[in-house]
C-alpha atoms as a PDB file:
ATOM      1  CA  UNK A   1     -38.760  -8.313 -53.307  1.00  0.00           C
ATOM      2  CA  UNK A   2     -35.195  -9.009 -53.932  1.00  0.00           C
ATOM      3  CA  UNK A   3     -32.802  -6.381 -55.307  1.00  0.00           C
ATOM      4  CA  UNK A   4     -31.906  -6.394 -59.042  1.00  0.00           C
ATOM      5  CA  UNK A   5     -28.612  -8.063 -58.175  1.00  0.00           C
ATOM      6  CA  UNK A   6     -29.526 -10.090 -55.174  1.00  0.00           C
ATOM      7  CA  UNK A   7     -29.431 -13.972 -55.695  1.00  0.00           C
ATOM      8  CA  UNK A   8     -32.281 -15.948 -54.039  1.00  0.00           C
ATOM      9  CA  UNK A   9     -32.352 -19.637 -53.865  1.00  0.00           C
ATOM     10  CA  UNK A  10     -35.965 -20.876 -53.141  1.00  0.00           C
ATOM     11  CA  UNK A  11     -38.110 -23.938 -53.350  1.00  0.00           C
ATOM     12  CA  UNK A  12     -39.905 -24.422 -56.618  1.00  0.00           C
ATOM     13  CA  UNK A  13     -43.532 -23.308 -56.676  1.00  0.00           C
ATOM     14  CA  UNK A  14     -46.140 -24.506 -59.028  1.00  0.00           C
ATOM     15  CA  UNK A  15     -46.424 -21.135 -60.767  1.00  0.00           C
ATOM     16  CA  UNK A  16     -42.746 -21.486 -61.758  1.00  0.00           C
ATOM     17  CA  UNK A  17     -43.581 -24.082 -64.534  1.00  0.00           C
ATOM     18  CA  UNK A  18     -43.617 -21.671 -67.326  1.00  0.00           C
ATOM     19  CA  UNK A  19     -40.254 -20.114 -66.451  1.00  0.00           C
ATOM     20  CA  UNK A  20     -38.543 -23.369 -65.863  1.00  0.00           C
ATOM     21  CA  UNK A  21     -40.006 -24.693 -69.297  1.00  0.00           C
ATOM     22  CA  UNK A  22     -38.667 -21.671 -71.069  1.00  0.00           C
ATOM     23  CA  UNK A  23     -35.110 -22.204 -69.528  1.00  0.00           C
ATOM     24  CA  UNK A  24     -35.409 -25.777 -70.760  1.00  0.00           C
ATOM     25  CA  UNK A  25     -36.269 -24.646 -74.193  1.00  0.00           C
ATOM     26  CA  UNK A  26     -33.470 -22.128 -74.201  1.00  0.00           C
ATOM     27  CA  UNK A  27     -30.877 -25.081 -73.638  1.00  0.00           C
ATOM     28  CA  UNK A  28     -32.217 -27.290 -76.437  1.00  0.00           C
ATOM     29  CA  UNK A  29     -30.440 -28.670 -78.432  1.00  0.00           C
ATOM     30  CA  UNK A  30     -27.275 -27.614 -76.800  1.00  0.00           C
ATOM     31  CA  UNK A  31     -27.780 -29.438 -73.526  1.00  0.00           C
ATOM     32  CA  UNK A  32     -31.151 -31.265 -73.803  1.00  0.00           C
ATOM     33  CA  UNK A  33     -33.100 -32.796 -76.472  1.00  0.00           C
ATOM     34  CA  UNK A  34     -36.584 -31.350 -77.282  1.00  0.00           C
ATOM     35  CA  UNK A  35     -37.970 -34.823 -76.409  1.00  0.00           C
ATOM     36  CA  UNK A  36     -36.928 -34.616 -72.906  1.00  0.00           C
ATOM     37  CA  UNK A  37     -39.608 -31.909 -72.190  1.00  0.00           C
ATOM     38  CA  UNK A  38     -42.261 -34.326 -71.229  1.00  0.00           C
ATOM     39  CA  UNK A  39     -39.592 -35.966 -68.787  1.00  0.00           C
ATOM     40  CA  UNK A  40     -39.090 -32.459 -67.131  1.00  0.00           C
ATOM     41  CA  UNK A  41     -42.807 -32.075 -66.502  1.00  0.00           C
ATOM     42  CA  UNK A  42     -42.991 -35.522 -65.084  1.00  0.00           C
ATOM     43  CA  UNK A  43     -40.105 -34.822 -62.670  1.00  0.00           C
ATOM     44  CA  UNK A  44     -41.476 -31.569 -61.509  1.00  0.00           C
ATOM     45  CA  UNK A  45     -44.999 -33.070 -61.099  1.00  0.00           C
ATOM     46  CA  UNK A  46     -43.523 -35.796 -58.764  1.00  0.00           C
ATOM     47  CA  UNK A  47     -40.603 -34.010 -57.202  1.00  0.00           C
ATOM     48  CA  UNK A  48     -41.485 -30.222 -56.850  1.00  0.00           C
ATOM     49  CA  UNK A  49     -40.727 -30.386 -53.067  1.00  0.00           C
ATOM     50  CA  UNK A  50     -37.056 -31.159 -54.057  1.00  0.00           C
ATOM     51  CA  UNK A  51     -36.543 -28.574 -56.947  1.00  0.00           C
ATOM     52  CA  UNK A  52     -35.092 -25.117 -56.256  1.00  0.00           C
ATOM     53  CA  UNK A  53     -34.922 -22.155 -58.476  1.00  0.00           C
ATOM     54  CA  UNK A  54     -32.515 -19.425 -58.785  1.00  0.00           C
ATOM     55  CA  UNK A  55     -34.082 -15.846 -58.707  1.00  0.00           C
ATOM     56  CA  UNK A  56     -32.211 -12.628 -59.513  1.00  0.00           C
ATOM     57  CA  UNK A  57     -34.315  -9.615 -59.045  1.00  0.00           C
ATOM     58  CA  UNK A  58     -37.612 -10.944 -59.911  1.00  0.00           C
ATOM     59  CA  UNK A  59     -36.486 -13.261 -62.767  1.00  0.00           C
ATOM     60  CA  UNK A  60     -36.158 -17.038 -62.474  1.00  0.00           C
ATOM     61  CA  UNK A  61     -32.723 -17.725 -64.066  1.00  0.00           C
ATOM     62  CA  UNK A  62     -32.313 -21.397 -63.485  1.00  0.00           C
ATOM     63  CA  UNK A  63     -32.722 -24.421 -61.020  1.00  0.00           C
ATOM     64  CA  UNK A  64     -32.062 -27.811 -60.205  1.00  0.00           C
ATOM     65  CA  UNK A  65     -33.326 -30.718 -57.980  1.00  0.00           C
ATOM     66  CA  UNK A  66     -33.196 -34.335 -57.000  1.00  0.00           C
ATOM     67  CA  UNK A  67     -35.304 -37.516 -56.510  1.00  0.00           C
ATOM     68  CA  UNK A  68     -34.716 -40.456 -54.129  1.00  0.00           C
ATOM     69  CA  UNK A  69     -35.774 -43.936 -55.066  1.00  0.00           C
ATOM     70  CA  UNK A  70     -36.382 -47.053 -52.902  1.00  0.00           C
ATOM     71  CA  UNK A  71     -32.786 -48.494 -53.472  1.00  0.00           C
ATOM     72  CA  UNK A  72     -31.492 -45.355 -51.580  1.00  0.00           C
ATOM     73  CA  UNK A  73     -30.100 -43.731 -54.546  1.00  0.00           C
ATOM     74  CA  UNK A  74     -30.568 -39.932 -55.097  1.00  0.00           C
ATOM     75  CA  UNK A  75     -30.817 -38.635 -58.619  1.00  0.00           C
ATOM     76  CA  UNK A  76     -29.636 -34.990 -59.437  1.00  0.00           C
ATOM     77  CA  UNK A  77     -31.956 -33.800 -62.089  1.00  0.00           C
ATOM     78  CA  UNK A  78     -32.601 -30.701 -64.405  1.00  0.00           C
ATOM     79  CA  UNK A  79     -29.789 -28.408 -63.352  1.00  0.00           C
ATOM     80  CA  UNK A  80     -30.052 -25.758 -66.006  1.00  0.00           C
ATOM     81  CA  UNK A  81     -29.826 -21.858 -66.384  1.00  0.00           C
ATOM     82  CA  UNK A  82     -30.660 -19.272 -69.012  1.00  0.00           C
ATOM     83  CA  UNK A  83     -27.759 -19.238 -71.341  1.00  0.00           C
ATOM     84  CA  UNK A  84     -26.687 -15.771 -70.241  1.00  0.00           C
ATOM     85  CA  UNK A  85     -26.464 -17.038 -66.583  1.00  0.00           C
ATOM     86  CA  UNK A  86     -24.388 -19.994 -67.201  1.00  0.00           C
ATOM     87  CA  UNK A  87     -20.697 -20.212 -65.927  1.00  0.00           C
ATOM     88  CA  UNK A  88     -21.357 -17.853 -63.223  1.00  0.00           C
ATOM     89  CA  UNK A  89     -21.272 -20.305 -60.231  1.00  0.00           C
ATOM     90  CA  UNK A  90     -25.138 -20.347 -60.001  1.00  0.00           C
ATOM     91  CA  UNK A  91     -24.895 -24.179 -60.715  1.00  0.00           C
ATOM     92  CA  UNK A  92     -22.466 -24.569 -57.863  1.00  0.00           C
ATOM     93  CA  UNK A  93     -25.059 -22.823 -55.577  1.00  0.00           C
ATOM     94  CA  UNK A  94     -27.782 -25.160 -56.640  1.00  0.00           C
ATOM     95  CA  UNK A  95     -25.585 -28.389 -56.441  1.00  0.00           C
ATOM     96  CA  UNK A  96     -24.546 -27.560 -53.054  1.00  0.00           C
ATOM     97  CA  UNK A  97     -28.037 -27.060 -51.738  1.00  0.00           C
ATOM     98  CA  UNK A  98     -29.219 -30.256 -53.291  1.00  0.00           C
ATOM     99  CA  UNK A  99     -26.533 -32.373 -51.992  1.00  0.00           C
ATOM    100  CA  UNK A 100     -26.995 -30.774 -48.449  1.00  0.00           C
ATOM    101  CA  UNK A 101     -30.621 -31.812 -48.592  1.00  0.00           C
ATOM    102  CA  UNK A 102     -30.006 -35.176 -49.796  1.00  0.00           C
ATOM    103  CA  UNK A 103     -27.377 -35.711 -46.952  1.00  0.00           C
ATOM    104  CA  UNK A 104     -29.682 -34.117 -44.288  1.00  0.00           C
ATOM    105  CA  UNK A 105     -32.498 -36.383 -45.352  1.00  0.00           C
ATOM    106  CA  UNK A 106     -30.240 -39.555 -44.874  1.00  0.00           C
ATOM    107  CA  UNK A 107     -32.404 -41.447 -47.274  1.00  0.00           C
ATOM    108  CA  UNK A 108     -29.704 -42.153 -49.962  1.00  0.00           C
ATOM    109  CA  UNK A 109     -26.406 -43.852 -49.956  1.00  0.00           C
ATOM    110  CA  UNK A 110     -25.252 -42.775 -53.415  1.00  0.00           C
ATOM    111  CA  UNK A 111     -25.947 -39.744 -55.736  1.00  0.00           C
ATOM    112  CA  UNK A 112     -26.249 -40.274 -59.463  1.00  0.00           C
ATOM    113  CA  UNK A 113     -26.512 -37.714 -62.211  1.00  0.00           C
ATOM    114  CA  UNK A 114     -27.266 -38.236 -65.845  1.00  0.00           C
ATOM    115  CA  UNK A 115     -26.365 -35.430 -68.058  1.00  0.00           C
ATOM    116  CA  UNK A 116     -24.803 -34.536 -71.324  1.00  0.00           C
ATOM    117  CA  UNK A 117     -21.113 -34.483 -72.089  1.00  0.00           C
ATOM    118  CA  UNK A 118     -21.252 -30.677 -71.496  1.00  0.00           C
ATOM    119  CA  UNK A 119     -21.622 -31.189 -67.773  1.00  0.00           C
ATOM    120  CA  UNK A 120     -18.645 -33.439 -67.133  1.00  0.00           C
ATOM    121  CA  UNK A 121     -16.336 -30.643 -65.753  1.00  0.00           C
ATOM    122  CA  UNK A 122     -19.270 -29.305 -63.635  1.00  0.00           C
ATOM    123  CA  UNK A 123     -19.730 -32.693 -61.820  1.00  0.00           C
ATOM    124  CA  UNK A 124     -15.957 -33.343 -61.634  1.00  0.00           C
ATOM    125  CA  UNK A 125     -15.802 -30.271 -59.288  1.00  0.00           C
ATOM    126  CA  UNK A 126     -18.001 -32.099 -56.794  1.00  0.00           C
ATOM    127  CA  UNK A 127     -15.822 -35.245 -57.059  1.00  0.00           C
ATOM    128  CA  UNK A 128     -18.458 -37.232 -58.960  1.00  0.00           C
ATOM    129  CA  UNK A 129     -16.981 -40.328 -60.727  1.00  0.00           C
ATOM    130  CA  UNK A 130     -17.914 -40.935 -64.422  1.00  0.00           C
ATOM    131  CA  UNK A 131     -19.437 -44.304 -64.532  1.00  0.00           C
ATOM    132  CA  UNK A 132     -20.117 -44.639 -68.272  1.00  0.00           C
ATOM    133  CA  UNK A 133     -20.860 -42.959 -71.527  1.00  0.00           C
ATOM    134  CA  UNK A 134     -23.544 -43.715 -74.165  1.00  0.00           C
ATOM    135  CA  UNK A 135     -23.035 -41.800 -77.379  1.00  0.00           C
ATOM    136  CA  UNK A 136     -26.054 -40.121 -79.079  1.00  0.00           C
ATOM    137  CA  UNK A 137     -28.323 -41.247 -76.097  1.00  0.00           C
ATOM    138  CA  UNK A 138     -30.281 -38.075 -75.907  1.00  0.00           C
ATOM    139  CA  UNK A 139     -29.954 -37.019 -79.509  1.00  0.00           C
ATOM    140  CA  UNK A 140     -27.580 -37.069 -82.366  1.00  0.00           C
ATOM    141  CA  UNK A 141     -24.299 -35.574 -80.857  1.00  0.00           C
ATOM    142  CA  UNK A 142     -25.708 -35.475 -77.472  1.00  0.00           C
ATOM    143  CA  UNK A 143     -24.157 -38.239 -75.195  1.00  0.00           C
ATOM    144  CA  UNK A 144     -25.320 -39.446 -71.905  1.00  0.00           C
ATOM    145  CA  UNK A 145     -22.772 -39.277 -69.130  1.00  0.00           C
ATOM    146  CA  UNK A 146     -23.610 -41.105 -65.938  1.00  0.00           C
ATOM    147  CA  UNK A 147     -21.901 -39.768 -62.688  1.00  0.00           C
ATOM    148  CA  UNK A 148     -21.824 -41.238 -59.180  1.00  0.00           C
ATOM    149  CA  UNK A 149     -21.026 -39.700 -55.698  1.00  0.00           C
ATOM    150  CA  UNK A 150     -21.076 -41.662 -52.433  1.00  0.00           C
ATOM    151  CA  UNK A 151     -23.042 -39.885 -49.756  1.00  0.00           C
ATOM    152  CA  UNK A 152     -21.004 -39.076 -46.779  1.00  0.00           C
ATOM    153  CA  UNK A 153     -22.661 -38.466 -43.340  1.00  0.00           C
ATOM    154  CA  UNK A 154     -21.157 -37.221 -40.211  1.00  0.00           C
ATOM    155  CA  UNK A 155     -20.364 -39.820 -37.698  1.00  0.00           C
ATOM    156  CA  UNK A 156     -23.177 -40.201 -35.131  1.00  0.00           C
ATOM    157  CA  UNK A 157     -22.123 -40.181 -31.550  1.00  0.00           C
ATOM    158  CA  UNK A 158     -24.791 -40.962 -29.051  1.00  0.00           C
ATOM    159  CA  UNK A 159     -24.909 -38.398 -26.173  1.00  0.00           C
ATOM    160  CA  UNK A 160     -23.479 -41.059 -23.908  1.00  0.00           C
ATOM    161  CA  UNK A 161     -22.475 -38.719 -21.050  1.00  0.00           C
ATOM    162  CA  UNK A 162     -25.625 -36.705 -20.793  1.00  0.00           C
ATOM    163  CA  UNK A 163     -27.691 -40.007 -20.347  1.00  0.00           C
ATOM    164  CA  UNK A 164     -25.273 -41.501 -17.870  1.00  0.00           C
ATOM    165  CA  UNK A 165     -24.174 -44.353 -19.854  1.00  0.00           C
ATOM    166  CA  UNK A 166     -20.759 -45.397 -19.644  1.00  0.00           C
ATOM    167  CA  UNK A 167     -18.744 -45.100 -22.807  1.00  0.00           C
ATOM    168  CA  UNK A 168     -17.426 -48.514 -22.769  1.00  0.00           C
ATOM    169  CA  UNK A 169     -19.254 -51.715 -22.050  1.00  0.00           C
ATOM    170  CA  UNK A 170     -22.856 -50.638 -22.386  1.00  0.00           C
ATOM    171  CA  UNK A 171     -25.317 -52.856 -24.305  1.00  0.00           C
ATOM    172  CA  UNK A 172     -28.951 -53.087 -24.989  1.00  0.00           C
ATOM    173  CA  UNK A 173     -30.531 -56.097 -23.174  1.00  0.00           C
ATOM    174  CA  UNK A 174     -33.794 -57.739 -23.491  1.00  0.00           C
ATOM    175  CA  UNK A 175     -35.471 -57.698 -26.763  1.00  0.00           C
ATOM    176  CA  UNK A 176     -39.054 -56.792 -25.703  1.00  0.00           C
ATOM    177  CA  UNK A 177     -41.621 -57.180 -28.469  1.00  0.00           C
ATOM    178  CA  UNK A 178     -39.585 -59.232 -30.747  1.00  0.00           C
ATOM    179  CA  UNK A 179     -41.337 -62.191 -32.409  1.00  0.00           C
END
């Protein structure tokens, strides 16, 4: 069991649902509209493997995750914390993990986030670009801010020397199995 002040970031487990929903409720109406509760449940049902929770002691204090669509766009979703644990760099911990997993998976070329106006400074820290704003989108006074970040992969260099290829002038010949 973690110590009282030890911070643990771990994958979401099905029995974490009630804690995450309580955190969601604690952030309504400041960050989320009550009507978004069903969207949270749907997201967790489909993307539990890509959601992470932050645990301090034996208490889940927040979390965040992502999904990836067929157009190679990853979406940051449901980054939220109990109010008393906000502005303590825990969101940074979660977002770094999520971005790392998206990059490691190499299934996305861009990352989008849709959040309220209260998250602009947070996403700016990670060099997200604000794409657009839709006033009163989530609820009265709760605007949609849509952010974008291009995914950067490390340049792949094939292990040329180990396989005996010459660095210059090699090519693949013969297209066996092509129709």
